[in-house]
PDB file of N, CA and C in Angstrom:
ATOM      1  N   UNK A   1     -16.231  -3.498 -14.555  1.00  0.00           N
ATOM      2  CA  UNK A   1     -15.171  -4.018 -13.707  1.00  0.00           C
ATOM      3  C   UNK A   1     -14.194  -2.897 -13.371  1.00  0.00           C
ATOM      4  N   UNK A   2     -13.774  -2.852 -12.142  1.00  0.00           N
ATOM      5  CA  UNK A   2     -12.843  -1.832 -11.678  1.00  0.00           C
ATOM      6  C   UNK A   2     -11.437  -2.126 -12.233  1.00  0.00           C
ATOM      7  N   UNK A   3     -10.744  -1.085 -12.670  1.00  0.00           N
ATOM      8  CA  UNK A   3      -9.383  -1.249 -13.186  1.00  0.00           C
ATOM      9  C   UNK A   3      -8.424  -1.496 -12.029  1.00  0.00           C
ATOM     10  N   UNK A   4      -7.386  -2.265 -12.306  1.00  0.00           N
ATOM     11  CA  UNK A   4      -6.436  -2.645 -11.259  1.00  0.00           C
ATOM     12  C   UNK A   4      -5.850  -1.449 -10.521  1.00  0.00           C
ATOM     13  N   UNK A   5      -5.382  -0.452 -11.243  1.00  0.00           N
ATOM     14  CA  UNK A   5      -4.747   0.688 -10.596  1.00  0.00           C
ATOM     15  C   UNK A   5      -5.726   1.401  -9.680  1.00  0.00           C
ATOM     16  N   UNK A   6      -6.957   1.571 -10.124  1.00  0.00           N
ATOM     17  CA  UNK A   6      -7.968   2.228  -9.294  1.00  0.00           C
ATOM     18  C   UNK A   6      -8.280   1.377  -8.056  1.00  0.00           C
ATOM     19  N   UNK A   7      -8.400   0.076  -8.229  1.00  0.00           N
ATOM     20  CA  UNK A   7      -8.653  -0.815  -7.105  1.00  0.00           C
ATOM     21  C   UNK A   7      -7.528  -0.716  -6.085  1.00  0.00           C
ATOM     22  N   UNK A   8      -6.309  -0.722  -6.547  1.00  0.00           N
ATOM     23  CA  UNK A   8      -5.164  -0.612  -5.634  1.00  0.00           C
ATOM     24  C   UNK A   8      -5.186   0.705  -4.869  1.00  0.00           C
ATOM     25  N   UNK A   9      -5.542   1.774  -5.545  1.00  0.00           N
ATOM     26  CA  UNK A   9      -5.644   3.076  -4.878  1.00  0.00           C
ATOM     27  C   UNK A   9      -6.763   3.083  -3.844  1.00  0.00           C
ATOM     28  N   UNK A  10      -7.901   2.475  -4.167  1.00  0.00           N
ATOM     29  CA  UNK A  10      -9.021   2.392  -3.223  1.00  0.00           C
ATOM     30  C   UNK A  10      -8.597   1.623  -1.970  1.00  0.00           C
ATOM     31  N   UNK A  11      -7.878   0.531  -2.159  1.00  0.00           N
ATOM     32  CA  UNK A  11      -7.389  -0.256  -1.022  1.00  0.00           C
ATOM     33  C   UNK A  11      -6.451   0.584  -0.158  1.00  0.00           C
ATOM     34  N   UNK A  12      -5.496   1.246  -0.789  1.00  0.00           N
ATOM     35  CA  UNK A  12      -4.541   2.067  -0.037  1.00  0.00           C
ATOM     36  C   UNK A  12      -5.239   3.195   0.711  1.00  0.00           C
ATOM     37  N   UNK A  13      -6.221   3.824   0.083  1.00  0.00           N
ATOM     38  CA  UNK A  13      -6.945   4.907   0.746  1.00  0.00           C
ATOM     39  C   UNK A  13      -7.750   4.411   1.943  1.00  0.00           C
ATOM     40  N   UNK A  14      -8.345   3.225   1.828  1.00  0.00           N
ATOM     41  CA  UNK A  14      -9.057   2.656   2.978  1.00  0.00           C
ATOM     42  C   UNK A  14      -8.103   2.396   4.133  1.00  0.00           C
ATOM     43  N   UNK A  15      -6.947   1.856   3.807  1.00  0.00           N
ATOM     44  CA  UNK A  15      -5.975   1.562   4.854  1.00  0.00           C
ATOM     45  C   UNK A  15      -5.401   2.844   5.454  1.00  0.00           C
ATOM     46  N   UNK A  16      -5.280   3.879   4.650  1.00  0.00           N
ATOM     47  CA  UNK A  16      -4.820   5.160   5.178  1.00  0.00           C
ATOM     48  C   UNK A  16      -5.832   5.710   6.176  1.00  0.00           C
ATOM     49  N   UNK A  17      -7.107   5.610   5.837  1.00  0.00           N
ATOM     50  CA  UNK A  17      -8.157   6.120   6.723  1.00  0.00           C
ATOM     51  C   UNK A  17      -8.189   5.367   8.050  1.00  0.00           C
ATOM     52  N   UNK A  18      -7.808   4.096   8.038  1.00  0.00           N
ATOM     53  CA  UNK A  18      -7.838   3.281   9.248  1.00  0.00           C
ATOM     54  C   UNK A  18      -6.518   3.302  10.021  1.00  0.00           C
ATOM     55  N   UNK A  19      -5.478   3.874   9.440  1.00  0.00           N
ATOM     56  CA  UNK A  19      -4.134   3.834  10.036  1.00  0.00           C
ATOM     57  C   UNK A  19      -4.151   4.352  11.468  1.00  0.00           C
ATOM     58  N   UNK A  20      -3.418   3.694  12.328  1.00  0.00           N
ATOM     59  CA  UNK A  20      -2.455   2.621  12.110  1.00  0.00           C
ATOM     60  C   UNK A  20      -3.048   1.210  12.280  1.00  0.00           C
ATOM     61  N   UNK A  21      -4.352   1.103  12.306  1.00  0.00           N
ATOM     62  CA  UNK A  21      -4.999  -0.192  12.531  1.00  0.00           C
ATOM     63  C   UNK A  21      -4.869  -1.116  11.324  1.00  0.00           C
ATOM     64  N   UNK A  22      -4.932  -2.399  11.603  1.00  0.00           N
ATOM     65  CA  UNK A  22      -4.998  -3.429  10.568  1.00  0.00           C
ATOM     66  C   UNK A  22      -6.472  -3.696  10.258  1.00  0.00           C
ATOM     67  N   UNK A  23      -6.811  -3.915   8.990  1.00  0.00           N
ATOM     68  CA  UNK A  23      -8.183  -4.224   8.588  1.00  0.00           C
ATOM     69  C   UNK A  23      -8.271  -5.631   8.004  1.00  0.00           C
ATOM     70  N   UNK A  24      -9.365  -6.344   8.308  1.00  0.00           N
ATOM     71  CA  UNK A  24      -9.568  -7.651   7.692  1.00  0.00           C
ATOM     72  C   UNK A  24     -10.051  -7.517   6.255  1.00  0.00           C
ATOM     73  N   UNK A  25      -9.941  -8.593   5.508  1.00  0.00           N
ATOM     74  CA  UNK A  25     -10.339  -8.616   4.102  1.00  0.00           C
ATOM     75  C   UNK A  25     -11.814  -8.239   3.944  1.00  0.00           C
ATOM     76  N   UNK A  26     -12.669  -8.745   4.812  1.00  0.00           N
ATOM     77  CA  UNK A  26     -14.110  -8.448   4.702  1.00  0.00           C
ATOM     78  C   UNK A  26     -14.386  -6.954   4.803  1.00  0.00           C
ATOM     79  N   UNK A  27     -13.684  -6.262   5.667  1.00  0.00           N
ATOM     80  CA  UNK A  27     -13.860  -4.817   5.811  1.00  0.00           C
ATOM     81  C   UNK A  27     -13.411  -4.097   4.548  1.00  0.00           C
ATOM     82  N   UNK A  28     -12.295  -4.518   3.990  1.00  0.00           N
ATOM     83  CA  UNK A  28     -11.821  -3.910   2.744  1.00  0.00           C
ATOM     84  C   UNK A  28     -12.812  -4.151   1.604  1.00  0.00           C
ATOM     85  N   UNK A  29     -13.338  -5.369   1.503  1.00  0.00           N
ATOM     86  CA  UNK A  29     -14.310  -5.686   0.455  1.00  0.00           C
ATOM     87  C   UNK A  29     -15.570  -4.822   0.605  1.00  0.00           C
ATOM     88  N   UNK A  30     -16.024  -4.647   1.830  1.00  0.00           N
ATOM     89  CA  UNK A  30     -17.200  -3.803   2.081  1.00  0.00           C
ATOM     90  C   UNK A  30     -16.936  -2.373   1.639  1.00  0.00           C
ATOM     91  N   UNK A  31     -15.763  -1.847   1.946  1.00  0.00           N
ATOM     92  CA  UNK A  31     -15.417  -0.493   1.531  1.00  0.00           C
ATOM     93  C   UNK A  31     -15.382  -0.339   0.022  1.00  0.00           C
ATOM     94  N   UNK A  32     -14.868  -1.340  -0.660  1.00  0.00           N
ATOM     95  CA  UNK A  32     -14.809  -1.312  -2.126  1.00  0.00           C
ATOM     96  C   UNK A  32     -16.222  -1.321  -2.699  1.00  0.00           C
ATOM     97  N   UNK A  33     -17.085  -2.117  -2.115  1.00  0.00           N
ATOM     98  CA  UNK A  33     -18.481  -2.166  -2.574  1.00  0.00           C
ATOM     99  C   UNK A  33     -19.196  -0.846  -2.302  1.00  0.00           C
ATOM    100  N   UNK A  34     -18.912  -0.227  -1.176  1.00  0.00           N
ATOM    101  CA  UNK A  34     -19.524   1.070  -0.870  1.00  0.00           C
ATOM    102  C   UNK A  34     -19.024   2.154  -1.818  1.00  0.00           C
ATOM    103  N   UNK A  35     -17.845   1.944  -2.374  1.00  0.00           N
ATOM    104  CA  UNK A  35     -17.310   2.879  -3.374  1.00  0.00           C
ATOM    105  C   UNK A  35     -17.939   2.631  -4.745  1.00  0.00           C
ATOM    106  N   UNK A  36     -18.830   1.610  -4.819  1.00  0.00           N
ATOM    107  CA  UNK A  36     -19.559   1.355  -6.064  1.00  0.00           C
ATOM    108  C   UNK A  36     -18.953   0.297  -6.964  1.00  0.00           C
ATOM    109  N   UNK A  37     -18.077  -0.532  -6.419  1.00  0.00           N
ATOM    110  CA  UNK A  37     -17.403  -1.535  -7.234  1.00  0.00           C
ATOM    111  C   UNK A  37     -17.669  -2.932  -6.686  1.00  0.00           C
ATOM    112  N   UNK A  38     -17.991  -3.859  -7.580  1.00  0.00           N
ATOM    113  CA  UNK A  38     -18.109  -5.262  -7.201  1.00  0.00           C
ATOM    114  C   UNK A  38     -16.761  -5.928  -7.456  1.00  0.00           C
ATOM    115  N   UNK A  39     -16.390  -6.819  -6.567  1.00  0.00           N
ATOM    116  CA  UNK A  39     -15.093  -7.487  -6.693  1.00  0.00           C
ATOM    117  C   UNK A  39     -15.204  -8.884  -6.088  1.00  0.00           C
ATOM    118  N   UNK A  40     -14.527  -9.827  -6.698  1.00  0.00           N
ATOM    119  CA  UNK A  40     -14.518 -11.182  -6.150  1.00  0.00           C
ATOM    120  C   UNK A  40     -13.455 -11.284  -5.065  1.00  0.00           C
ATOM    121  N   UNK A  41     -13.626 -12.260  -4.203  1.00  0.00           N
ATOM    122  CA  UNK A  41     -12.658 -12.504  -3.140  1.00  0.00           C
ATOM    123  C   UNK A  41     -11.298 -12.835  -3.737  1.00  0.00           C
ATOM    124  N   UNK A  42     -11.259 -13.618  -4.804  1.00  0.00           N
ATOM    125  CA  UNK A  42     -10.006 -14.011  -5.440  1.00  0.00           C
ATOM    126  C   UNK A  42      -9.236 -12.805  -5.966  1.00  0.00           C
ATOM    127  N   UNK A  43      -9.940 -11.886  -6.615  1.00  0.00           N
ATOM    128  CA  UNK A  43      -9.277 -10.693  -7.153  1.00  0.00           C
ATOM    129  C   UNK A  43      -8.769  -9.803  -6.021  1.00  0.00           C
ATOM    130  N   UNK A  44      -9.583  -9.620  -4.984  1.00  0.00           N
ATOM    131  CA  UNK A  44      -9.149  -8.785  -3.865  1.00  0.00           C
ATOM    132  C   UNK A  44      -7.908  -9.377  -3.208  1.00  0.00           C
ATOM    133  N   UNK A  45      -7.904 -10.659  -2.963  1.00  0.00           N
ATOM    134  CA  UNK A  45      -6.744 -11.290  -2.324  1.00  0.00           C
ATOM    135  C   UNK A  45      -5.503 -11.226  -3.221  1.00  0.00           C
ATOM    136  N   UNK A  46      -5.699 -11.335  -4.536  1.00  0.00           N
ATOM    137  CA  UNK A  46      -4.574 -11.201  -5.471  1.00  0.00           C
ATOM    138  C   UNK A  46      -3.972  -9.802  -5.383  1.00  0.00           C
ATOM    139  N   UNK A  47      -4.830  -8.783  -5.336  1.00  0.00           N
ATOM    140  CA  UNK A  47      -4.332  -7.410  -5.268  1.00  0.00           C
ATOM    141  C   UNK A  47      -3.678  -7.109  -3.921  1.00  0.00           C
ATOM    142  N   UNK A  48      -4.220  -7.674  -2.851  1.00  0.00           N
ATOM    143  CA  UNK A  48      -3.595  -7.504  -1.539  1.00  0.00           C
ATOM    144  C   UNK A  48      -2.213  -8.156  -1.515  1.00  0.00           C
ATOM    145  N   UNK A  49      -2.092  -9.332  -2.115  1.00  0.00           N
ATOM    146  CA  UNK A  49      -0.785  -9.996  -2.187  1.00  0.00           C
ATOM    147  C   UNK A  49       0.199  -9.151  -2.998  1.00  0.00           C
ATOM    148  N   UNK A  50      -0.273  -8.563  -4.091  1.00  0.00           N
ATOM    149  CA  UNK A  50       0.576  -7.712  -4.919  1.00  0.00           C
ATOM    150  C   UNK A  50       1.073  -6.495  -4.115  1.00  0.00           C
ATOM    151  N   UNK A  51       0.139  -5.815  -3.450  1.00  0.00           N
ATOM    152  CA  UNK A  51       0.511  -4.630  -2.665  1.00  0.00           C
ATOM    153  C   UNK A  51       1.451  -4.998  -1.521  1.00  0.00           C
ATOM    154  N   UNK A  52       1.244  -6.165  -0.926  1.00  0.00           N
ATOM    155  CA  UNK A  52       2.120  -6.647   0.139  1.00  0.00           C
ATOM    156  C   UNK A  52       3.506  -6.953  -0.422  1.00  0.00           C
ATOM    157  N   UNK A  53       3.571  -7.607  -1.569  1.00  0.00           N
ATOM    158  CA  UNK A  53       4.860  -7.903  -2.206  1.00  0.00           C
ATOM    159  C   UNK A  53       5.625  -6.630  -2.553  1.00  0.00           C
ATOM    160  N   UNK A  54       4.900  -5.584  -2.935  1.00  0.00           N
ATOM    161  CA  UNK A  54       5.521  -4.300  -3.291  1.00  0.00           C
ATOM    162  C   UNK A  54       5.856  -3.457  -2.060  1.00  0.00           C
ATOM    163  N   UNK A  55       5.531  -3.977  -0.871  1.00  0.00           N
ATOM    164  CA  UNK A  55       5.804  -3.298   0.404  1.00  0.00           C
ATOM    165  C   UNK A  55       4.981  -2.023   0.587  1.00  0.00           C
ATOM    166  N   UNK A  56       3.832  -1.935  -0.115  1.00  0.00           N
ATOM    167  CA  UNK A  56       2.937  -0.781   0.052  1.00  0.00           C
ATOM    168  C   UNK A  56       1.993  -0.996   1.229  1.00  0.00           C
ATOM    169  N   UNK A  57       1.780  -2.270   1.597  1.00  0.00           N
ATOM    170  CA  UNK A  57       0.970  -2.598   2.756  1.00  0.00           C
ATOM    171  C   UNK A  57       1.705  -3.645   3.581  1.00  0.00           C
ATOM    172  N   UNK A  58       1.322  -3.745   4.859  1.00  0.00           N
ATOM    173  CA  UNK A  58       1.838  -4.780   5.749  1.00  0.00           C
ATOM    174  C   UNK A  58       0.703  -5.741   6.049  1.00  0.00           C
ATOM    175  N   UNK A  59       1.035  -6.990   6.284  1.00  0.00           N
ATOM    176  CA  UNK A  59       0.018  -7.974   6.649  1.00  0.00           C
ATOM    177  C   UNK A  59       0.381  -8.612   7.982  1.00  0.00           C
ATOM    178  N   UNK A  60      -0.651  -9.118   8.652  1.00  0.00           N
ATOM    179  CA  UNK A  60      -0.459  -9.785   9.931  1.00  0.00           C
ATOM    180  C   UNK A  60      -1.452 -10.923  10.045  1.00  0.00           C
ATOM    181  N   UNK A  61      -1.015 -11.990  10.686  1.00  0.00           N
ATOM    182  CA  UNK A  61      -1.880 -13.131  10.951  1.00  0.00           C
ATOM    183  C   UNK A  61      -2.195 -13.158  12.442  1.00  0.00           C
ATOM    184  N   UNK A  62      -3.462 -13.002  12.810  1.00  0.00           N
ATOM    185  CA  UNK A  62      -3.821 -13.070  14.232  1.00  0.00           C
ATOM    186  C   UNK A  62      -3.538 -14.459  14.801  1.00  0.00           C
ATOM    187  N   UNK A  63      -3.204 -14.524  16.073  1.00  0.00           N
ATOM    188  CA  UNK A  63      -2.902 -15.794  16.727  1.00  0.00           C
ATOM    189  C   UNK A  63      -4.116 -16.710  16.805  1.00  0.00           C
ATOM    190  N   UNK A  64      -5.289 -16.155  17.013  1.00  0.00           N
ATOM    191  CA  UNK A  64      -6.472 -16.982  17.223  1.00  0.00           C
ATOM    192  C   UNK A  64      -7.030 -17.581  15.942  1.00  0.00           C
ATOM    193  N   UNK A  65      -6.932 -16.886  14.838  1.00  0.00           N
ATOM    194  CA  UNK A  65      -7.493 -17.391  13.585  1.00  0.00           C
ATOM    195  C   UNK A  65      -6.583 -17.007  12.424  1.00  0.00           C
ATOM    196  N   UNK A  66      -5.654 -17.869  12.071  1.00  0.00           N
ATOM    197  CA  UNK A  66      -4.714 -17.542  10.997  1.00  0.00           C
ATOM    198  C   UNK A  66      -5.373 -17.262   9.652  1.00  0.00           C
ATOM    199  N   UNK A  67      -6.600 -17.710   9.463  1.00  0.00           N
ATOM    200  CA  UNK A  67      -7.297 -17.450   8.195  1.00  0.00           C
ATOM    201  C   UNK A  67      -7.763 -16.007   8.107  1.00  0.00           C
ATOM    202  N   UNK A  68      -7.750 -15.300   9.229  1.00  0.00           N
ATOM    203  CA  UNK A  68      -8.242 -13.924   9.279  1.00  0.00           C
ATOM    204  C   UNK A  68      -7.083 -12.936   9.107  1.00  0.00           C
ATOM    205  N   UNK A  69      -6.410 -13.017   7.969  1.00  0.00           N
ATOM    206  CA  UNK A  69      -5.271 -12.137   7.688  1.00  0.00           C
ATOM    207  C   UNK A  69      -5.746 -10.688   7.646  1.00  0.00           C
ATOM    208  N   UNK A  70      -4.940  -9.794   8.159  1.00  0.00           N
ATOM    209  CA  UNK A  70      -5.284  -8.366   8.224  1.00  0.00           C
ATOM    210  C   UNK A  70      -4.183  -7.540   7.575  1.00  0.00           C
ATOM    211  N   UNK A  71      -4.564  -6.336   7.167  1.00  0.00           N
ATOM    212  CA  UNK A  71      -3.649  -5.468   6.419  1.00  0.00           C
ATOM    213  C   UNK A  71      -3.675  -4.046   6.953  1.00  0.00           C
ATOM    214  N   UNK A  72      -2.540  -3.359   6.820  1.00  0.00           N
ATOM    215  CA  UNK A  72      -2.462  -1.930   7.145  1.00  0.00           C
ATOM    216  C   UNK A  72      -1.539  -1.246   6.151  1.00  0.00           C
ATOM    217  N   UNK A  73      -1.637   0.065   6.084  1.00  0.00           N
ATOM    218  CA  UNK A  73      -0.816   0.855   5.172  1.00  0.00           C
ATOM    219  C   UNK A  73       0.624   0.885   5.668  1.00  0.00           C
ATOM    220  N   UNK A  74       1.552   0.584   4.798  1.00  0.00           N
ATOM    221  CA  UNK A  74       2.980   0.656   5.110  1.00  0.00           C
ATOM    222  C   UNK A  74       3.497   2.053   4.759  1.00  0.00           C
ATOM    223  N   UNK A  75       4.693   2.361   5.228  1.00  0.00           N
ATOM    224  CA  UNK A  75       5.289   3.668   4.947  1.00  0.00           C
ATOM    225  C   UNK A  75       5.402   3.911   3.442  1.00  0.00           C
ATOM    226  N   UNK A  76       5.783   2.892   2.680  1.00  0.00           N
ATOM    227  CA  UNK A  76       5.892   3.067   1.228  1.00  0.00           C
ATOM    228  C   UNK A  76       4.524   3.323   0.596  1.00  0.00           C
ATOM    229  N   UNK A  77       3.481   2.743   1.170  1.00  0.00           N
ATOM    230  CA  UNK A  77       2.130   2.999   0.679  1.00  0.00           C
ATOM    231  C   UNK A  77       1.727   4.440   0.920  1.00  0.00           C
ATOM    232  N   UNK A  78       2.082   4.971   2.101  1.00  0.00           N
ATOM    233  CA  UNK A  78       1.791   6.370   2.391  1.00  0.00           C
ATOM    234  C   UNK A  78       2.576   7.280   1.455  1.00  0.00           C
ATOM    235  N   UNK A  79       3.827   6.928   1.200  1.00  0.00           N
ATOM    236  CA  UNK A  79       4.643   7.701   0.263  1.00  0.00           C
ATOM    237  C   UNK A  79       4.028   7.696  -1.134  1.00  0.00           C
ATOM    238  N   UNK A  80       3.502   6.540  -1.568  1.00  0.00           N
ATOM    239  CA  UNK A  80       2.845   6.447  -2.872  1.00  0.00           C
ATOM    240  C   UNK A  80       1.636   7.374  -2.934  1.00  0.00           C
ATOM    241  N   UNK A  81       0.807   7.336  -1.896  1.00  0.00           N
ATOM    242  CA  UNK A  81      -0.378   8.199  -1.886  1.00  0.00           C
ATOM    243  C   UNK A  81       0.032   9.672  -1.910  1.00  0.00           C
ATOM    244  N   UNK A  82       1.025  10.026  -1.101  1.00  0.00           N
ATOM    245  CA  UNK A  82       1.496  11.424  -1.054  1.00  0.00           C
ATOM    246  C   UNK A  82       2.059  11.865  -2.409  1.00  0.00           C
ATOM    247  N   UNK A  83       2.876  11.029  -3.023  1.00  0.00           N
ATOM    248  CA  UNK A  83       3.524  11.376  -4.289  1.00  0.00           C
ATOM    249  C   UNK A  83       2.518  11.528  -5.433  1.00  0.00           C
ATOM    250  N   UNK A  84       1.386  10.849  -5.323  1.00  0.00           N
ATOM    251  CA  UNK A  84       0.381  10.897  -6.381  1.00  0.00           C
ATOM    252  C   UNK A  84      -0.799  11.795  -6.053  1.00  0.00           C
ATOM    253  N   UNK A  85      -0.666  12.608  -5.015  1.00  0.00           N
ATOM    254  CA  UNK A  85      -1.722  13.550  -4.646  1.00  0.00           C
ATOM    255  C   UNK A  85      -2.999  12.876  -4.186  1.00  0.00           C
ATOM    256  N   UNK A  86      -2.900  11.665  -3.650  1.00  0.00           N
ATOM    257  CA  UNK A  86      -4.074  10.916  -3.218  1.00  0.00           C
ATOM    258  C   UNK A  86      -4.277  10.904  -1.714  1.00  0.00           C
ATOM    259  N   UNK A  87      -3.279  11.360  -0.989  1.00  0.00           N
ATOM    260  CA  UNK A  87      -3.327  11.291   0.472  1.00  0.00           C
ATOM    261  C   UNK A  87      -4.418  12.170   1.045  1.00  0.00           C
ATOM    262  N   UNK A  88      -5.070  11.651   2.088  1.00  0.00           N
ATOM    263  CA  UNK A  88      -6.111  12.419   2.753  1.00  0.00           C
ATOM    264  C   UNK A  88      -5.544  13.364   3.796  1.00  0.00           C
ATOM    265  N   UNK A  89      -4.261  13.207   4.136  1.00  0.00           N
ATOM    266  CA  UNK A  89      -3.673  14.051   5.168  1.00  0.00           C
ATOM    267  C   UNK A  89      -2.940  15.242   4.603  1.00  0.00           C
TER     268      UNK A  89
END
């Protein structure tokens, strides 16, 4: 099982790579699996809610399908990656 801190970093790095675009949950889950980690939908959504609450990511609800919540890297998330030597830029 992937550790929480590592999972959060993987999520932030995926969102950094896609910036400034918003990504759906399915895309994030696919990226996590390609990184070699299995994760349940419940755990991923819990971690996304945590990162959103901490203002490290932003979320948006599309008008056409509110169930298709999307996420992008927030300025504080970029600052976190930069401060921890994780940023790709």
